[in-house]
Amino acid sequence: MNNGDLFNENIKAIICQNIKKYRKEKGMRVMDLAEQLDVSVNHLKRIESANDRNNISLMTLYKISIILEVRIDKFFEKGNEDST
């Protein structure tokens, strides 16, 4: 097994999809989570967008995990759900 097998290059897309998934499961609107994170709605939309070139900081992901009451490792799990 080489290092390429260990790293998922789509990890940012997986994290973004999971943030959105868990936010919706919690019944929380983008504006509500943005307010609790103390970021703009547009910034949170970029965080949830797999197409955005910027990476999410570990501290922001940690804060999201606390607000959504989801263990941080859950954001790294690849799901089979379609992104809606």
N, C-alpha and C. Protein backbone atom coordinates (compact mmCIF):
# COMPACT_ATOMS: atom_id res chain seq x y z
N MET A 1 0.85 -1.19 0.00
CA MET A 1 0.00 0.00 0.00
C MET A 1 0.89 1.24 0.00
N ASN A 2 0.64 2.16 -0.93
CA ASN A 2 1.41 3.40 -0.95
C ASN A 2 0.62 4.52 -0.29
N ASN A 3 1.27 5.66 -0.11
CA ASN A 3 0.62 6.78 0.58
C ASN A 3 -0.63 7.25 -0.15
N GLY A 4 -0.68 7.10 -1.47
CA GLY A 4 -1.86 7.49 -2.23
C GLY A 4 -3.09 6.71 -1.80
N ASP A 5 -2.88 5.48 -1.33
CA ASP A 5 -4.00 4.67 -0.86
C ASP A 5 -4.49 5.12 0.51
N LEU A 6 -3.66 5.83 1.26
CA LEU A 6 -4.00 6.25 2.61
C LEU A 6 -4.76 7.56 2.64
N PHE A 7 -4.57 8.38 1.62
CA PHE A 7 -5.14 9.73 1.64
C PHE A 7 -6.26 9.86 0.62
N ASN A 8 -7.38 10.38 1.04
CA ASN A 8 -8.50 10.61 0.15
C ASN A 8 -8.42 12.05 -0.33
N GLU A 9 -8.18 12.23 -1.62
CA GLU A 9 -8.04 13.59 -2.16
C GLU A 9 -9.36 14.35 -2.14
N ASN A 10 -10.44 13.65 -1.93
CA ASN A 10 -11.75 14.30 -1.89
C ASN A 10 -12.18 14.61 -0.46
N ILE A 11 -11.24 14.63 0.47
CA ILE A 11 -11.59 14.79 1.88
C ILE A 11 -12.32 16.10 2.14
N LYS A 12 -11.94 17.17 1.45
CA LYS A 12 -12.64 18.45 1.65
C LYS A 12 -14.09 18.33 1.24
N ALA A 13 -14.36 17.67 0.13
CA ALA A 13 -15.74 17.49 -0.32
C ALA A 13 -16.52 16.66 0.68
N ILE A 14 -15.90 15.65 1.25
CA ILE A 14 -16.55 14.80 2.24
C ILE A 14 -16.89 15.62 3.49
N ILE A 15 -15.94 16.40 3.96
CA ILE A 15 -16.17 17.24 5.14
C ILE A 15 -17.30 18.23 4.88
N CYS A 16 -17.26 18.90 3.72
CA CYS A 16 -18.29 19.88 3.37
C CYS A 16 -19.67 19.24 3.33
N GLN A 17 -19.75 18.08 2.70
CA GLN A 17 -21.02 17.36 2.59
C GLN A 17 -21.54 16.99 3.98
N ASN A 18 -20.64 16.56 4.85
CA ASN A 18 -21.06 16.15 6.19
C ASN A 18 -21.48 17.33 7.05
N ILE A 19 -20.82 18.46 6.92
CA ILE A 19 -21.25 19.65 7.67
C ILE A 19 -22.69 19.98 7.30
N LYS A 20 -22.95 20.02 6.00
CA LYS A 20 -24.30 20.32 5.53
C LYS A 20 -25.30 19.27 6.00
N LYS A 21 -24.92 17.99 5.90
CA LYS A 21 -25.79 16.89 6.30
C LYS A 21 -26.17 16.99 7.78
N TYR A 22 -25.16 17.16 8.64
CA TYR A 22 -25.44 17.21 10.07
C TYR A 22 -26.18 18.49 10.47
N ARG A 23 -25.91 19.58 9.76
CA ARG A 23 -26.65 20.83 10.03
C ARG A 23 -28.12 20.62 9.72
N LYS A 24 -28.41 20.00 8.58
CA LYS A 24 -29.81 19.76 8.20
C LYS A 24 -30.48 18.76 9.14
N GLU A 25 -29.75 17.73 9.54
CA GLU A 25 -30.29 16.75 10.50
C GLU A 25 -30.68 17.43 11.81
N LYS A 26 -29.92 18.44 12.18
CA LYS A 26 -30.18 19.19 13.41
C LYS A 26 -31.33 20.18 13.22
N GLY A 27 -31.77 20.33 11.97
CA GLY A 27 -32.85 21.27 11.68
C GLY A 27 -32.40 22.71 11.75
N MET A 28 -31.14 22.95 11.47
CA MET A 28 -30.56 24.28 11.61
C MET A 28 -30.38 24.92 10.22
N ARG A 29 -30.76 26.16 10.13
CA ARG A 29 -30.56 26.91 8.88
C ARG A 29 -29.12 27.40 8.80
N VAL A 30 -28.68 27.70 7.59
CA VAL A 30 -27.33 28.23 7.38
C VAL A 30 -27.12 29.47 8.23
N MET A 31 -28.11 30.35 8.24
CA MET A 31 -27.96 31.60 8.99
C MET A 31 -27.84 31.36 10.49
N ASP A 32 -28.51 30.31 10.99
CA ASP A 32 -28.42 30.01 12.42
C ASP A 32 -27.03 29.52 12.80
N LEU A 33 -26.50 28.60 12.00
CA LEU A 33 -25.16 28.08 12.28
C LEU A 33 -24.12 29.19 12.10
N ALA A 34 -24.27 29.99 11.07
CA ALA A 34 -23.33 31.09 10.83
C ALA A 34 -23.31 32.04 12.03
N GLU A 35 -24.47 32.34 12.56
CA GLU A 35 -24.56 33.24 13.71
C GLU A 35 -23.84 32.64 14.92
N GLN A 36 -24.08 31.36 15.17
CA GLN A 36 -23.43 30.72 16.32
C GLN A 36 -21.92 30.61 16.13
N LEU A 37 -21.48 30.46 14.87
CA LEU A 37 -20.04 30.40 14.59
C LEU A 37 -19.40 31.79 14.58
N ASP A 38 -20.25 32.82 14.52
CA ASP A 38 -19.79 34.20 14.40
C ASP A 38 -19.06 34.43 13.08
N VAL A 39 -19.67 33.89 12.00
CA VAL A 39 -19.17 34.12 10.64
C VAL A 39 -20.35 34.57 9.79
N SER A 40 -20.07 35.12 8.62
CA SER A 40 -21.14 35.54 7.73
C SER A 40 -21.79 34.31 7.09
N VAL A 41 -23.02 34.50 6.64
CA VAL A 41 -23.73 33.43 5.94
C VAL A 41 -22.94 33.02 4.70
N ASN A 42 -22.41 34.01 3.98
CA ASN A 42 -21.63 33.71 2.77
C ASN A 42 -20.39 32.88 3.10
N HIS A 43 -19.75 33.18 4.22
CA HIS A 43 -18.58 32.40 4.61
C HIS A 43 -18.97 30.96 4.91
N LEU A 44 -20.06 30.76 5.61
CA LEU A 44 -20.51 29.40 5.90
C LEU A 44 -20.91 28.67 4.63
N LYS A 45 -21.55 29.36 3.70
CA LYS A 45 -21.89 28.74 2.42
C LYS A 45 -20.63 28.28 1.70
N ARG A 46 -19.56 29.08 1.78
CA ARG A 46 -18.28 28.67 1.17
C ARG A 46 -17.71 27.45 1.89
N ILE A 47 -17.84 27.41 3.23
CA ILE A 47 -17.36 26.26 4.00
C ILE A 47 -18.09 25.00 3.55
N GLU A 48 -19.39 25.10 3.32
CA GLU A 48 -20.20 23.95 2.92
C GLU A 48 -20.06 23.60 1.45
N SER A 49 -19.37 24.42 0.69
CA SER A 49 -19.22 24.19 -0.74
C SER A 49 -17.92 23.45 -1.03
N ALA A 50 -18.05 22.27 -1.61
CA ALA A 50 -16.87 21.48 -1.98
C ALA A 50 -16.08 22.15 -3.09
N ASN A 51 -16.72 23.07 -3.83
CA ASN A 51 -16.06 23.75 -4.95
C ASN A 51 -15.21 24.93 -4.52
N ASP A 52 -15.36 25.36 -3.27
CA ASP A 52 -14.57 26.50 -2.78
C ASP A 52 -13.12 26.06 -2.61
N ARG A 53 -12.20 26.89 -3.00
CA ARG A 53 -10.77 26.52 -2.96
C ARG A 53 -10.16 26.63 -1.57
N ASN A 54 -10.80 27.38 -0.69
CA ASN A 54 -10.25 27.55 0.65
C ASN A 54 -10.55 26.32 1.51
N ASN A 55 -9.64 26.02 2.39
CA ASN A 55 -9.84 24.90 3.32
C ASN A 55 -10.44 25.41 4.62
N ILE A 56 -11.16 24.54 5.28
CA ILE A 56 -11.74 24.88 6.58
C ILE A 56 -10.67 24.68 7.65
N SER A 57 -10.62 25.59 8.60
CA SER A 57 -9.63 25.44 9.67
C SER A 57 -10.10 24.37 10.66
N LEU A 58 -9.16 23.78 11.32
CA LEU A 58 -9.48 22.77 12.33
C LEU A 58 -10.30 23.39 13.45
N MET A 59 -9.99 24.62 13.83
CA MET A 59 -10.73 25.29 14.89
C MET A 59 -12.19 25.51 14.47
N THR A 60 -12.42 25.90 13.23
CA THR A 60 -13.79 26.10 12.76
C THR A 60 -14.53 24.77 12.73
N LEU A 61 -13.89 23.72 12.25
CA LEU A 61 -14.52 22.40 12.24
C LEU A 61 -14.84 21.95 13.66
N TYR A 62 -13.94 22.22 14.58
CA TYR A 62 -14.17 21.88 15.99
C TYR A 62 -15.39 22.62 16.54
N LYS A 63 -15.49 23.92 16.24
CA LYS A 63 -16.63 24.72 16.70
C LYS A 63 -17.93 24.19 16.12
N ILE A 64 -17.90 23.82 14.83
CA ILE A 64 -19.09 23.27 14.18
C ILE A 64 -19.49 21.97 14.86
N SER A 65 -18.52 21.14 15.20
CA SER A 65 -18.82 19.86 15.85
C SER A 65 -19.48 20.08 17.21
N ILE A 66 -19.04 21.09 17.93
CA ILE A 66 -19.63 21.40 19.24
C ILE A 66 -21.07 21.90 19.06
N ILE A 67 -21.26 22.83 18.14
CA ILE A 67 -22.59 23.41 17.91
C ILE A 67 -23.58 22.35 17.44
N LEU A 68 -23.14 21.50 16.51
CA LEU A 68 -24.04 20.49 15.95
C LEU A 68 -24.10 19.22 16.81
N GLU A 69 -23.26 19.18 17.85
CA GLU A 69 -23.21 18.03 18.75
C GLU A 69 -22.89 16.74 17.99
N VAL A 70 -21.84 16.83 17.16
CA VAL A 70 -21.39 15.70 16.35
C VAL A 70 -19.89 15.52 16.63
N ARG A 71 -19.49 14.29 16.90
CA ARG A 71 -18.05 14.03 17.10
C ARG A 71 -17.29 14.45 15.84
N ILE A 72 -16.15 15.06 16.02
CA ILE A 72 -15.41 15.62 14.90
C ILE A 72 -15.01 14.57 13.87
N ASP A 73 -14.77 13.34 14.30
CA ASP A 73 -14.38 12.30 13.35
C ASP A 73 -15.50 11.95 12.38
N LYS A 74 -16.74 12.23 12.75
CA LYS A 74 -17.88 11.94 11.88
C LYS A 74 -17.84 12.77 10.59
N PHE A 75 -17.19 13.93 10.63
CA PHE A 75 -17.10 14.78 9.45
C PHE A 75 -16.19 14.19 8.37
N PHE A 76 -15.37 13.23 8.75
CA PHE A 76 -14.41 12.62 7.82
C PHE A 76 -14.93 11.34 7.20
N GLU A 77 -16.11 10.89 7.59
CA GLU A 77 -16.66 9.63 7.10
C GLU A 77 -17.35 9.83 5.77
N LYS A 78 -16.96 8.99 4.82
CA LYS A 78 -17.58 9.05 3.51
C LYS A 78 -18.92 8.33 3.56
N GLY A 79 -19.97 9.04 3.15
CA GLY A 79 -21.31 8.46 3.14
C GLY A 79 -21.76 8.17 1.73
N ASN A 80 -22.84 7.46 1.62
CA ASN A 80 -23.39 7.15 0.31
C ASN A 80 -24.58 8.02 -0.05
N GLU A 81 -24.87 8.98 0.81
CA GLU A 81 -26.01 9.86 0.56
C GLU A 81 -25.69 10.80 -0.58
N ASP A 82 -26.72 11.16 -1.32
CA ASP A 82 -26.51 12.18 -2.35
C ASP A 82 -26.58 13.53 -1.67
N SER A 83 -25.83 14.49 -2.19
CA SER A 83 -25.81 15.82 -1.56
C SER A 83 -26.97 16.64 -2.10
N THR A 84 -27.85 17.03 -1.20
CA THR A 84 -29.00 17.85 -1.58
C THR A 84 -28.95 19.18 -0.90
